[in-house]
């Protein structure tokens, strides 16, 4: 079997399931609404998938009900499209007006017929192939955005492009980064109020993070929010950057600072707040980056801003003084939860640090936080201060090495989780991968390439077979159903490997996830019982979606 055959976009429809006359296709029925209203009203048009997380709330929950726990075993392969690559595929497809828009490696964009899988057009942005040297994890990306008849994609060499959704013709192409520095883009854009939002990556290579907004029609930059302060002698871009600088020490700007916004965003139209997650420090080792400590804002934070201007509103920092690659760029989900006697508007996240956070999305106030995987860097989160209670030995910089959970892969990485409106549970692609953090004795700020300030040799695989087997037993992956109100697990399914796919939940009582065993699996959303699987011929990391066309889910 050729390697490229192992990387397919698989569309699975209920071809053997009965159609329901009450759930007919409505593609385009809300065309009179503007694009933002369509995305905001995602639950009223479940047959399409207009944005990365389906709607602005990023719940990745489909209200479609044809495919259920009773008939899911009758699913079969309807069609497949070969993306022509043997490299990583992480993209979430979009479905708009009868078309699928999806990306392959090197940011090649495809438009497909959503019913047949036939290619309508493709676009190759001609990415500078040398930029692969500035990536941690292959030439991957997580998909595109749609708005008003246009498709938007960020590229690995730091550009943002707009394409005509009908033809694939390029409309505009802007550079969003200093291309002389090791910035990259792997995240999917979002569009809010006519502004295309995009961040970047490259923290381990010594860059300074930010998120930018561009006019959806012209590509003109509207605003930019830096996530860490720059050199004080050059002045600060805003008052909030001046305040953030007070939480740093030493000459942090020489190391870039990090804080890249490389993945998660969400938007609340009612509160008119844009939320985004901020990444790790550069280098990881805080004793190098900020030698006298400090919280190092806004590393490992959820930040809320006004989408029209980028004006700061509030932040919540999950890991003050981050020193473990504990990003808070993991999936953000908005929901209204009944907590006690009150209905709370919350934002939820399971970041790398191993704690599940429920936060008031209007104010940034911590409501609750409990560990969803084993952790040994903090005993708990103090709900009065919102801060972790750290174990002193976990602060490894300048001290002896420390074997820690989670390691830099986190308790949850970029693979999207899902919130079911039906069960009230959050489904997390969780993992356990311990790591030994230790100082890098020969650290150099001018070193080219990956520069974490940590001795990577401690993370090398052991040559002794007994030690290798013991290490392998300690590395785990699971699908975890988490009750965000009770802050405890409802059920879990253990996987054979830690690195598994993103998640979709549906109103049919199902949870779908791909795994490293090359299986695409359906589970009962209430119990975790495995109901169906399909052999996909390759390990799956991207998140699935569900859509409906011609009355069929």
Protein backbone atom coordinates (compact mmCIF):
# COMPACT_ATOMS: atom_id res chain seq x y z
CA UNK A 1 0.00 0.00 0.00
CA UNK A 2 1.40 3.38 -0.99
CA UNK A 3 1.98 5.82 1.83
CA UNK A 4 -0.17 8.54 0.31
CA UNK A 5 -3.22 6.23 0.35
CA UNK A 6 -2.95 6.22 4.13
CA UNK A 7 -3.81 9.92 4.35
CA UNK A 8 -7.39 10.32 3.19
CA UNK A 9 -10.24 12.68 3.95
CA UNK A 10 -12.95 10.20 4.87
CA UNK A 11 -16.62 11.21 4.74
CA UNK A 12 -18.88 8.87 6.65
CA UNK A 13 -22.60 9.27 6.10
CA UNK A 14 -25.52 7.24 7.34
CA UNK A 15 -26.08 5.68 3.94
CA UNK A 16 -27.99 2.78 5.45
CA UNK A 17 -29.91 4.88 8.00
CA UNK A 18 -33.47 6.00 7.41
CA UNK A 19 -33.98 9.61 6.41
CA UNK A 20 -36.15 11.80 8.58
CA UNK A 21 -38.50 14.16 6.80
CA UNK A 22 -38.36 16.57 9.72
CA UNK A 23 -34.62 17.15 9.27
CA UNK A 24 -34.35 18.28 5.67
CA UNK A 25 -31.53 20.16 4.09
CA UNK A 26 -31.52 23.88 4.71
CA UNK A 27 -28.22 24.82 3.09
CA UNK A 28 -28.48 28.45 2.09
CA UNK A 29 -31.89 29.03 3.70
CA UNK A 30 -30.36 31.71 5.93
CA UNK A 31 -28.42 33.37 3.13
CA UNK A 32 -30.22 36.63 3.85
CA UNK A 33 -28.44 36.81 7.20
CA UNK A 34 -24.94 38.27 7.30
CA UNK A 35 -22.05 35.89 7.87
CA UNK A 36 -21.64 36.70 11.55
CA UNK A 37 -25.32 36.09 12.21
CA UNK A 38 -25.09 32.74 10.42
CA UNK A 39 -22.17 31.63 12.57
CA UNK A 40 -23.81 32.94 15.75
CA UNK A 41 -27.00 31.03 14.86
CA UNK A 42 -25.13 27.78 14.22
CA UNK A 43 -27.53 25.71 16.32
CA UNK A 44 -30.45 26.70 14.10
CA UNK A 45 -28.65 25.48 10.96
CA UNK A 46 -27.08 22.18 12.04
CA UNK A 47 -26.66 20.96 8.46
CA UNK A 48 -23.62 23.20 7.86
CA UNK A 49 -20.28 23.70 9.63
CA UNK A 50 -19.40 27.37 9.13
CA UNK A 51 -16.52 27.92 11.55
CA UNK A 52 -13.63 26.00 13.06
CA UNK A 53 -15.57 24.89 16.15
CA UNK A 54 -18.89 24.94 14.20
CA UNK A 55 -20.10 28.12 15.92
CA UNK A 56 -18.52 30.97 17.85
CA UNK A 57 -18.89 29.00 21.08
CA UNK A 58 -16.50 26.35 19.68
CA UNK A 59 -18.53 23.53 21.26
CA UNK A 60 -17.99 21.10 18.36
CA UNK A 61 -21.46 19.72 19.02
CA UNK A 62 -23.75 18.81 16.14
CA UNK A 63 -27.53 19.06 16.75
CA UNK A 64 -28.15 16.56 13.93
CA UNK A 65 -30.10 13.48 15.06
CA UNK A 66 -30.34 11.00 12.18
CA UNK A 67 -27.28 9.02 13.26
CA UNK A 68 -27.99 7.61 16.72
CA UNK A 69 -26.86 5.04 19.24
CA UNK A 70 -29.47 2.71 17.71
CA UNK A 71 -28.31 2.82 14.09
CA UNK A 72 -24.68 3.93 14.20
CA UNK A 73 -23.43 0.39 13.47
CA UNK A 74 -24.90 0.78 9.97
CA UNK A 75 -22.54 3.62 9.03
CA UNK A 76 -20.45 3.00 5.94
CA UNK A 77 -17.90 4.75 3.78
CA UNK A 78 -19.70 7.05 1.32
CA UNK A 79 -16.62 8.49 -0.45
CA UNK A 80 -12.97 9.33 0.07
CA UNK A 81 -10.72 12.03 -1.34
CA UNK A 82 -6.96 11.57 -1.58
CA UNK A 83 -5.15 14.67 -0.36
CA UNK A 84 -2.00 13.52 -2.12
CA UNK A 85 0.33 13.56 0.88
CA UNK A 86 1.90 11.17 3.37
CA UNK A 87 2.47 13.91 5.96
CA UNK A 88 0.36 15.25 8.83
CA UNK A 89 -3.27 16.30 8.44
CA UNK A 90 -4.76 18.28 11.35
CA UNK A 91 -7.46 20.33 9.63
CA UNK A 92 -11.12 20.67 10.55
CA UNK A 93 -13.17 20.84 7.32
CA UNK A 94 -15.85 23.51 6.85
CA UNK A 95 -19.16 22.84 5.07
CA UNK A 96 -20.85 25.86 3.51
CA UNK A 97 -23.61 25.88 0.89
CA UNK A 98 -22.98 22.36 -0.33
CA UNK A 99 -19.18 22.54 -0.41
CA UNK A 100 -16.43 21.23 1.85
CA UNK A 101 -13.35 23.42 2.33
CA UNK A 102 -10.32 21.65 3.75
CA UNK A 103 -6.54 22.01 3.80
CA UNK A 104 -3.69 19.57 3.27
CA UNK A 105 0.01 19.98 4.11
CA UNK A 106 1.77 23.15 2.94
CA UNK A 107 -1.59 24.97 3.25
CA UNK A 108 -3.01 23.66 -0.02
CA UNK A 109 -6.75 24.42 0.05
CA UNK A 110 -9.39 22.17 -1.54
CA UNK A 111 -13.05 22.81 -2.29
CA UNK A 112 -15.05 19.60 -2.67
CA UNK A 113 -18.63 18.72 -3.49
CA UNK A 114 -20.09 17.85 -0.07
CA UNK A 115 -22.30 15.11 -1.53
CA UNK A 116 -19.85 13.31 -3.83
CA UNK A 117 -16.37 14.36 -2.70
CA UNK A 118 -15.56 15.54 -6.22
CA UNK A 119 -12.92 18.27 -6.37
CA UNK A 120 -14.27 21.67 -7.43
CA UNK A 121 -11.05 23.63 -7.14
CA UNK A 122 -7.72 23.67 -5.31
CA UNK A 123 -5.28 26.43 -4.45
CA UNK A 124 -1.58 26.13 -3.61
CA UNK A 125 -0.24 29.25 -1.83
CA UNK A 126 3.34 28.27 -2.76
CA UNK A 127 4.72 28.29 0.77
CA UNK A 128 8.45 28.81 1.20
CA UNK A 129 9.58 25.22 1.85
CA UNK A 130 12.60 26.37 3.89
CA UNK A 131 10.19 27.45 6.66
CA UNK A 132 9.75 23.79 7.61
CA UNK A 133 12.93 24.26 9.67
CA UNK A 134 11.02 26.66 11.92
CA UNK A 135 8.26 24.20 12.84
CA UNK A 136 8.10 21.89 15.81
CA UNK A 137 5.71 19.35 14.33
CA UNK A 138 5.64 19.06 10.51
CA UNK A 139 4.10 21.28 7.85
CA UNK A 140 0.59 20.98 9.25
CA UNK A 141 -2.27 23.42 9.68
CA UNK A 142 -5.73 23.27 11.26
CA UNK A 143 -7.91 24.57 8.47
CA UNK A 144 -9.57 27.64 7.02
CA UNK A 145 -12.19 30.27 7.87
CA UNK A 146 -15.24 31.33 5.84
CA UNK A 147 -16.90 34.74 5.61
CA UNK A 148 -19.11 36.41 3.01
CA UNK A 149 -18.18 34.22 0.05
CA UNK A 150 -14.49 34.12 0.93
CA UNK A 151 -12.13 31.48 2.34
CA UNK A 152 -9.21 32.53 4.54
CA UNK A 153 -6.08 30.57 5.34
CA UNK A 154 -2.87 31.27 7.24
CA UNK A 155 0.38 29.89 5.81
CA UNK A 156 3.44 28.33 7.35
CA UNK A 157 5.57 31.24 6.09
CA UNK A 158 3.41 33.74 8.00
CA UNK A 159 0.96 35.02 5.37
CA UNK A 160 -2.82 35.40 5.51
CA UNK A 161 -4.73 34.87 2.27
CA UNK A 162 -8.30 35.43 1.09
CA UNK A 163 -9.73 33.27 -1.69
CA UNK A 164 -12.96 33.47 -3.65
CA UNK A 165 -15.02 30.58 -2.25
CA UNK A 166 -16.66 29.95 -5.61
CA UNK A 167 -13.53 29.74 -7.76
CA UNK A 168 -10.47 29.54 -5.50
CA UNK A 169 -9.09 32.75 -7.04
CA UNK A 170 -6.75 34.65 -4.72
CA UNK A 171 -8.23 37.98 -3.62
CA UNK A 172 -5.50 39.26 -1.34
CA UNK A 173 -2.31 38.06 0.35
CA UNK A 174 -0.68 39.84 3.31
CA UNK A 175 2.42 39.09 5.37
CA UNK A 176 1.55 38.99 9.09
CA UNK A 177 5.04 38.37 10.58
CA UNK A 178 8.66 39.41 10.23
CA UNK A 179 9.71 36.70 7.77
CA UNK A 180 13.35 37.14 8.80
CA UNK A 181 12.41 35.63 12.15
CA UNK A 182 11.29 32.03 12.80
CA UNK A 183 7.56 32.75 12.94
CA UNK A 184 5.10 30.26 11.50
CA UNK A 185 1.32 29.88 11.29
CA UNK A 186 -0.39 26.52 11.83
CA UNK A 187 -3.68 27.64 13.39
CA UNK A 188 -7.00 28.19 11.66
CA UNK A 189 -8.17 31.80 11.31
CA UNK A 190 -11.49 32.98 12.76
CA UNK A 191 -13.61 35.86 11.46
CA UNK A 192 -15.54 38.13 13.82
CA UNK A 193 -17.39 41.34 12.83
CA UNK A 194 -15.65 41.49 9.46
CA UNK A 195 -12.17 41.01 10.90
CA UNK A 196 -9.96 38.00 10.21
CA UNK A 197 -8.08 36.95 13.34
CA UNK A 198 -4.78 35.12 13.17
CA UNK A 199 -1.92 34.40 15.57
CA UNK A 200 1.38 32.64 15.01
CA UNK A 201 3.85 30.11 16.39
CA UNK A 202 7.57 29.92 17.05
CA UNK A 203 8.04 30.41 20.81
CA UNK A 204 10.72 27.73 21.13
CA UNK A 205 12.65 29.50 18.39
CA UNK A 206 12.72 32.81 20.25
CA UNK A 207 9.90 35.00 18.92
CA UNK A 208 7.48 37.42 20.57
CA UNK A 209 3.81 36.41 20.30
CA UNK A 210 0.79 38.42 19.20
CA UNK A 211 -2.64 38.15 17.60
CA UNK A 212 -3.71 40.38 14.70
CA UNK A 213 -6.99 41.43 13.10
CA UNK A 214 -7.30 42.16 9.37
CA UNK A 215 -10.15 43.63 7.37
CA UNK A 216 -11.94 40.69 5.73
CA UNK A 217 -12.46 42.58 2.46
CA UNK A 218 -9.13 44.33 1.99
CA UNK A 219 -6.56 42.51 4.12
CA UNK A 220 -5.60 45.75 5.85
CA UNK A 221 -4.40 45.32 9.44
CA UNK A 222 -6.93 46.75 11.91
CA UNK A 223 -5.24 46.01 15.24
CA UNK A 224 -2.57 43.90 16.92
CA UNK A 225 -2.37 42.71 20.53
CA UNK A 226 1.07 41.65 21.79
CA UNK A 227 0.97 38.96 24.45
CA UNK A 228 4.33 39.70 26.10
CA UNK A 229 6.14 43.04 26.50
CA UNK A 230 9.05 43.99 24.31
CA UNK A 231 12.20 45.98 25.09
CA UNK A 232 11.22 48.77 27.52
CA UNK A 233 13.69 51.14 25.86
CA UNK A 234 11.64 50.98 22.65
CA UNK A 235 8.46 51.91 24.52
CA UNK A 236 5.33 49.84 25.01
CA UNK A 237 2.53 49.52 22.46
CA UNK A 238 -0.18 49.98 25.09
CA UNK A 239 -0.80 50.63 28.76
CA UNK A 240 -1.53 46.95 29.32
CA UNK A 241 1.91 46.04 27.93
CA UNK A 242 3.49 48.46 30.37
CA UNK A 243 1.60 46.76 33.19
CA UNK A 244 2.60 43.30 31.92
CA UNK A 245 6.27 44.35 31.88
CA UNK A 246 6.13 44.75 35.67
CA UNK A 247 5.70 40.96 35.93
CA UNK A 248 8.98 40.24 34.09
CA UNK A 249 12.60 40.55 35.23
CA UNK A 250 16.00 40.61 33.58
CA UNK A 251 16.44 41.14 29.83
CA UNK A 252 13.56 38.91 28.76
CA UNK A 253 13.14 40.61 25.37
CA UNK A 254 16.54 39.25 24.27
CA UNK A 255 14.95 35.79 24.26
CA UNK A 256 11.78 36.79 22.43
CA UNK A 257 9.52 36.05 25.38
CA UNK A 258 7.23 33.59 23.57
CA UNK A 259 3.51 33.74 24.27
CA UNK A 260 2.49 32.85 20.74
CA UNK A 261 -1.25 32.61 19.96
CA UNK A 262 -1.08 29.52 17.78
CA UNK A 263 -4.51 27.92 18.14
CA UNK A 264 -7.62 28.56 20.27
CA UNK A 265 -10.12 31.41 19.97
CA UNK A 266 -13.82 31.87 20.79
CA UNK A 267 -16.30 34.76 20.62
CA UNK A 268 -19.39 35.77 22.60
CA UNK A 269 -21.65 37.99 20.43
CA UNK A 270 -23.79 39.01 23.43
CA UNK A 271 -20.86 40.20 25.53
CA UNK A 272 -18.97 41.21 22.36
CA UNK A 273 -15.78 39.66 23.71
CA UNK A 274 -13.11 37.78 21.79
CA UNK A 275 -11.17 35.17 23.75
CA UNK A 276 -7.83 33.64 22.82
CA UNK A 277 -5.32 31.35 24.48
CA UNK A 278 -1.64 32.28 24.92
CA UNK A 279 1.32 29.93 24.69
CA UNK A 280 4.49 29.16 26.61
CA UNK A 281 7.55 31.21 27.48
CA UNK A 282 10.66 31.55 25.36
CA UNK A 283 12.73 29.80 26.48
CA UNK A 284 10.76 27.37 28.64
CA UNK A 285 13.25 27.81 31.47
CA UNK A 286 12.06 30.81 33.47
CA UNK A 287 15.33 31.04 35.41
CA UNK A 288 16.93 32.11 32.11
CA UNK A 289 14.04 34.11 30.66
CA UNK A 290 13.04 36.02 33.83
CA UNK A 291 15.71 35.17 36.43
CA UNK A 292 14.05 36.86 39.40
CA UNK A 293 10.71 35.19 38.76
CA UNK A 294 7.44 37.00 38.20
CA UNK A 295 4.15 35.96 36.65
CA UNK A 296 5.35 36.83 33.13
CA UNK A 297 2.06 38.05 31.70
CA UNK A 298 0.41 37.05 29.45
CA UNK A 299 2.10 33.67 29.12
CA UNK A 300 -0.22 30.65 29.59
CA UNK A 301 -3.28 32.90 29.85
CA UNK A 302 -6.79 33.23 28.50
CA UNK A 303 -7.21 36.83 27.35
CA UNK A 304 -10.47 38.66 26.56
CA UNK A 305 -10.42 41.68 24.26
CA UNK A 306 -12.88 43.83 22.32
CA UNK A 307 -12.91 42.50 18.75
CA UNK A 308 -13.35 45.92 17.13
CA UNK A 309 -10.19 47.40 18.61
CA UNK A 310 -8.20 44.67 20.37
CA UNK A 311 -8.62 46.58 23.65
CA UNK A 312 -7.79 44.49 26.73
CA UNK A 313 -10.75 43.56 28.97
CA UNK A 314 -9.58 40.78 31.29
CA UNK A 315 -7.23 37.82 31.57
CA UNK A 316 -6.89 34.66 33.58
CA UNK A 317 -3.44 33.10 33.86
CA UNK A 318 -3.49 29.32 34.25
CA UNK A 319 0.23 28.95 34.98
CA UNK A 320 1.92 32.05 36.45
CA UNK A 321 5.65 32.16 35.78
CA UNK A 322 5.29 29.35 33.22
CA UNK A 323 8.42 27.19 32.96
CA UNK A 324 7.16 23.81 31.65
CA UNK A 325 5.80 24.58 28.15
CA UNK A 326 2.35 24.67 29.75
CA UNK A 327 0.50 26.53 27.02
CA UNK A 328 -3.06 27.78 27.41
CA UNK A 329 -3.61 27.62 23.65
CA UNK A 330 -5.76 24.52 24.06
CA UNK A 331 -9.37 24.51 22.91
CA UNK A 332 -11.68 27.12 24.46
CA UNK A 333 -15.42 26.34 24.81
CA UNK A 334 -18.24 28.72 25.75
CA UNK A 335 -21.37 27.40 27.44
CA UNK A 336 -24.05 28.34 29.96
CA UNK A 337 -23.84 26.03 32.98
CA UNK A 338 -26.19 25.60 35.91
CA UNK A 339 -23.90 25.93 38.92
CA UNK A 340 -25.78 25.83 42.19
CA UNK A 341 -28.83 28.04 41.83
CA UNK A 342 -27.29 30.21 39.13
CA UNK A 343 -26.85 29.89 35.38
CA UNK A 344 -23.31 31.01 34.67
CA UNK A 345 -21.88 32.14 31.35
CA UNK A 346 -18.58 30.29 31.35
CA UNK A 347 -15.51 29.63 29.29
CA UNK A 348 -13.92 26.20 29.74
CA UNK A 349 -10.43 24.97 29.04
CA UNK A 350 -8.30 21.89 29.70
CA UNK A 351 -4.83 23.36 29.07
CA UNK A 352 -1.54 21.51 29.14
CA UNK A 353 -1.00 21.98 32.88
CA UNK A 354 -3.52 19.24 33.74
CA UNK A 355 -6.28 21.29 35.43
CA UNK A 356 -9.77 21.79 33.97
CA UNK A 357 -10.89 25.41 34.34
CA UNK A 358 -14.41 26.83 34.48
CA UNK A 359 -14.22 30.63 34.32
CA UNK A 360 -16.83 33.38 34.22
CA UNK A 361 -16.48 34.64 30.66
CA UNK A 362 -17.79 38.13 31.45
CA UNK A 363 -15.29 38.87 34.22
CA UNK A 364 -12.49 36.30 34.10
CA UNK A 365 -13.34 35.13 37.62
CA UNK A 366 -12.35 31.54 38.41
CA UNK A 367 -15.39 29.41 39.25
CA UNK A 368 -13.65 26.05 39.68
CA UNK A 369 -10.58 24.07 38.69
CA UNK A 370 -9.65 20.42 39.29
CA UNK A 371 -7.03 18.19 37.75
CA UNK A 372 -8.35 16.00 34.93
CA UNK A 373 -5.10 14.01 34.66
CA UNK A 374 -2.46 13.17 37.30
CA UNK A 375 -0.30 16.20 38.18
CA UNK A 376 2.73 16.57 40.44
CA UNK A 377 3.76 20.19 39.86
CA UNK A 378 0.93 21.71 41.96
CA UNK A 379 -1.26 20.31 44.73
CA UNK A 380 -4.39 22.23 43.69
CA UNK A 381 -5.72 25.55 42.43
CA UNK A 382 -6.58 28.02 45.17
CA UNK A 383 -10.10 29.13 44.30
CA UNK A 384 -9.73 32.34 46.30
CA UNK A 385 -6.67 33.60 44.46
CA UNK A 386 -7.10 31.58 41.26
CA UNK A 387 -3.45 30.56 41.48
CA UNK A 388 -1.90 27.09 41.56
CA UNK A 389 -0.29 25.93 44.80
CA UNK A 390 3.04 24.78 43.42
CA UNK A 391 5.27 22.04 44.78
CA UNK A 392 8.69 23.69 45.29
CA UNK A 393 10.67 20.86 43.69
CA UNK A 394 8.79 21.30 40.41
CA UNK A 395 10.47 24.68 39.84
CA UNK A 396 13.41 22.97 38.13
CA UNK A 397 15.36 25.97 36.81
CA UNK A 398 18.71 26.10 38.56
CA UNK A 399 17.84 23.01 40.64
CA UNK A 400 18.12 19.28 40.18
CA UNK A 401 16.14 17.53 37.42
CA UNK A 402 12.49 16.75 38.13
CA UNK A 403 10.30 13.97 36.74
CA UNK A 404 6.96 15.62 36.15
CA UNK A 405 3.39 15.03 35.05
CA UNK A 406 2.20 16.47 32.78
CA UNK A 407 5.27 16.83 30.58
CA UNK A 408 5.54 19.39 27.77
CA UNK A 409 2.98 17.52 25.65
CA UNK A 410 0.50 18.36 28.40
CA UNK A 411 -2.56 16.62 29.77
CA UNK A 412 -4.34 17.82 26.63
CA UNK A 413 -2.70 19.21 23.52
CA UNK A 414 -4.13 20.92 20.42
CA UNK A 415 -6.60 18.13 19.54
CA UNK A 416 -10.03 19.76 20.00
CA UNK A 417 -12.37 18.65 22.77
CA UNK A 418 -16.18 18.86 22.55
CA UNK A 419 -19.07 19.91 24.79
CA UNK A 420 -22.41 18.09 24.44
CA UNK A 421 -25.49 20.21 25.09
CA UNK A 422 -27.34 16.91 25.51
CA UNK A 423 -25.22 15.31 28.24
CA UNK A 424 -23.56 18.38 29.75
CA UNK A 425 -20.18 16.63 29.48
CA UNK A 426 -16.91 17.76 27.94
CA UNK A 427 -15.06 15.09 25.97
CA UNK A 428 -11.29 15.51 26.20
CA UNK A 429 -8.54 13.75 24.20
CA UNK A 430 -6.38 13.41 27.33
CA UNK A 431 -2.84 12.08 27.66
CA UNK A 432 -0.18 11.24 30.24
CA UNK A 433 3.41 11.70 29.12
CA UNK A 434 5.92 12.26 31.95
CA UNK A 435 9.07 14.26 31.29
CA UNK A 436 12.30 15.05 33.15
CA UNK A 437 12.94 18.79 33.21
CA UNK A 438 16.56 19.81 33.71
CA UNK A 439 18.75 22.86 33.10
CA UNK A 440 20.66 23.15 29.84
CA UNK A 441 24.18 24.02 30.95
CA UNK A 442 25.32 25.37 27.58
CA UNK A 443 22.31 27.58 26.86
CA UNK A 444 22.93 30.40 24.40
CA UNK A 445 20.44 33.16 23.60
CA UNK A 446 21.92 33.44 20.11
CA UNK A 447 21.61 29.74 19.34
CA UNK A 448 19.75 29.11 16.08
CA UNK A 449 16.84 26.67 16.16
CA UNK A 450 14.97 25.03 19.01
CA UNK A 451 16.14 26.71 22.20
CA UNK A 452 14.08 25.73 25.25
CA UNK A 453 16.77 26.10 27.90
CA UNK A 454 16.15 22.50 28.95
CA UNK A 455 18.48 19.53 28.64
CA UNK A 456 16.62 17.33 26.17
CA UNK A 457 18.88 14.35 26.85
CA UNK A 458 16.86 13.62 29.99
CA UNK A 459 13.86 13.01 27.76
CA UNK A 460 15.69 10.49 25.55
CA UNK A 461 14.43 6.94 25.28
CA UNK A 462 16.28 4.51 27.56
CA UNK A 463 18.40 1.80 25.93
CA UNK A 464 17.73 -0.67 28.74
CA UNK A 465 14.70 -2.77 27.76
CA UNK A 466 13.30 -2.99 31.28
CA UNK A 467 13.49 0.78 31.66
CA UNK A 468 11.95 1.22 28.22
CA UNK A 469 8.99 -1.01 29.11
CA UNK A 470 8.50 0.84 32.38
CA UNK A 471 8.53 4.17 30.56
CA UNK A 472 6.13 2.87 27.92
CA UNK A 473 3.69 1.77 30.62
CA UNK A 474 3.74 5.28 32.07
CA UNK A 475 2.72 6.86 28.74
CA UNK A 476 -1.05 6.79 28.31
CA UNK A 477 -3.88 8.26 26.28
CA UNK A 478 -7.62 8.25 26.84
CA UNK A 479 -10.93 9.73 25.81
CA UNK A 480 -12.19 11.39 28.97
CA UNK A 481 -15.80 12.45 29.58
CA UNK A 482 -15.61 15.27 32.13
CA UNK A 483 -18.44 16.79 34.13
CA UNK A 484 -17.55 20.52 34.26
CA UNK A 485 -20.04 21.30 37.04
CA UNK A 486 -19.06 18.46 39.39
CA UNK A 487 -15.43 18.73 38.18
CA UNK A 488 -14.97 14.98 37.92
CA UNK A 489 -14.79 12.23 35.33
CA UNK A 490 -18.06 10.65 34.16
CA UNK A 491 -16.32 7.89 32.19
CA UNK A 492 -13.12 7.23 30.31
CA UNK A 493 -11.85 4.99 27.53
CA UNK A 494 -8.18 4.00 27.56
CA UNK A 495 -6.26 4.12 24.27
CA UNK A 496 -3.17 2.16 23.27
CA UNK A 497 -1.17 5.34 22.56
CA UNK A 498 -1.25 8.90 23.94
CA UNK A 499 -1.61 10.89 20.69
CA UNK A 500 -5.20 10.54 19.47
CA UNK A 501 -7.71 12.62 17.54
CA UNK A 502 -10.00 15.53 18.26
CA UNK A 503 -13.61 14.95 19.26
CA UNK A 504 -17.14 15.52 17.95
CA UNK A 505 -20.33 15.05 20.00
CA UNK A 506 -23.83 14.92 18.49
CA UNK A 507 -27.49 15.11 19.46
CA UNK A 508 -27.75 11.50 18.38
CA UNK A 509 -26.17 10.61 21.72
CA UNK A 510 -22.78 9.92 20.17
CA UNK A 511 -19.13 10.89 20.53
CA UNK A 512 -16.78 10.39 17.57
CA UNK A 513 -12.99 10.25 17.79
CA UNK A 514 -10.16 8.93 15.65
CA UNK A 515 -7.16 7.28 17.29
CA UNK A 516 -3.55 6.26 16.73
CA UNK A 517 -4.67 2.70 15.94
CA UNK A 518 -6.11 3.97 12.62
CA UNK A 519 -9.69 3.55 13.83
CA UNK A 520 -12.49 6.10 13.61
CA UNK A 521 -14.76 5.23 16.53
CA UNK A 522 -18.26 6.07 17.76
CA UNK A 523 -19.03 5.90 21.49
CA UNK A 524 -22.20 6.23 23.51
CA UNK A 525 -21.98 9.79 24.84
CA UNK A 526 -23.50 8.85 28.24
CA UNK A 527 -21.60 5.65 28.98
CA UNK A 528 -18.50 5.52 26.77
CA UNK A 529 -19.56 2.18 25.28
CA UNK A 530 -17.86 1.55 21.94
CA UNK A 531 -20.61 1.20 19.34
CA UNK A 532 -18.87 1.26 15.95
CA UNK A 533 -15.49 1.73 14.29
CA UNK A 534 -14.01 2.14 10.84
CA UNK A 535 -10.44 1.27 9.79
CA UNK A 536 -9.04 4.46 8.23
CA UNK A 537 -5.62 3.04 7.23
CA UNK A 538 -3.76 5.74 9.16
CA UNK A 539 -3.59 7.22 12.64
CA UNK A 540 -6.09 10.07 13.08
CA UNK A 541 -5.41 13.33 14.92
CA UNK A 542 -7.78 15.81 13.24
CA UNK A 543 -11.25 16.41 14.67
CA UNK A 544 -14.33 15.07 12.82
CA UNK A 545 -17.39 17.07 11.83
CA UNK A 546 -20.98 16.18 10.90
CA UNK A 547 -23.15 17.84 8.26
CA UNK A 548 -26.32 17.18 6.31
CA UNK A 549 -27.00 17.41 2.59
CA UNK A 550 -30.12 16.50 0.61
CA UNK A 551 -31.80 15.47 3.85
CA UNK A 552 -29.10 13.02 4.88
CA UNK A 553 -26.63 13.31 7.77
